[in-house]
């Protein structure tokens, strides 16, 4: 599942920046991972990251990492969200050791070396 920008996050951020990203997720949202609120003409709304957009279709990556496509004709309005899709305060549910362990793990996520 690839919902966020974590695949190679250990090569992009040092441990201090990882803590900051977890504690303040909206302080820096990576390009291409901006969240959007999409209002559909049937009155429903959906939030996600734009995976692709063509002249006729919008595909969003939604929570859970799944993709969902919508005919562009069904979209009433799209607005970029000012906040990260990562919920604020998630770190409060962790013990200090769990947070340390999470950052240690994220720091290992780096590009695989080619053989």
Foldseek 3Di string as FASTA:
>chain_A
DCAADQQAVLVVDPLVVVVVCQQAVLPDGDPQNWKKWWAFPVGDIFIFGFPDDDPFKTWGQHPVRDIDMDTPVGTDDMDTDSGGPPDHPPCVVDDPVVSVVVSVVSNPNRDDDDD
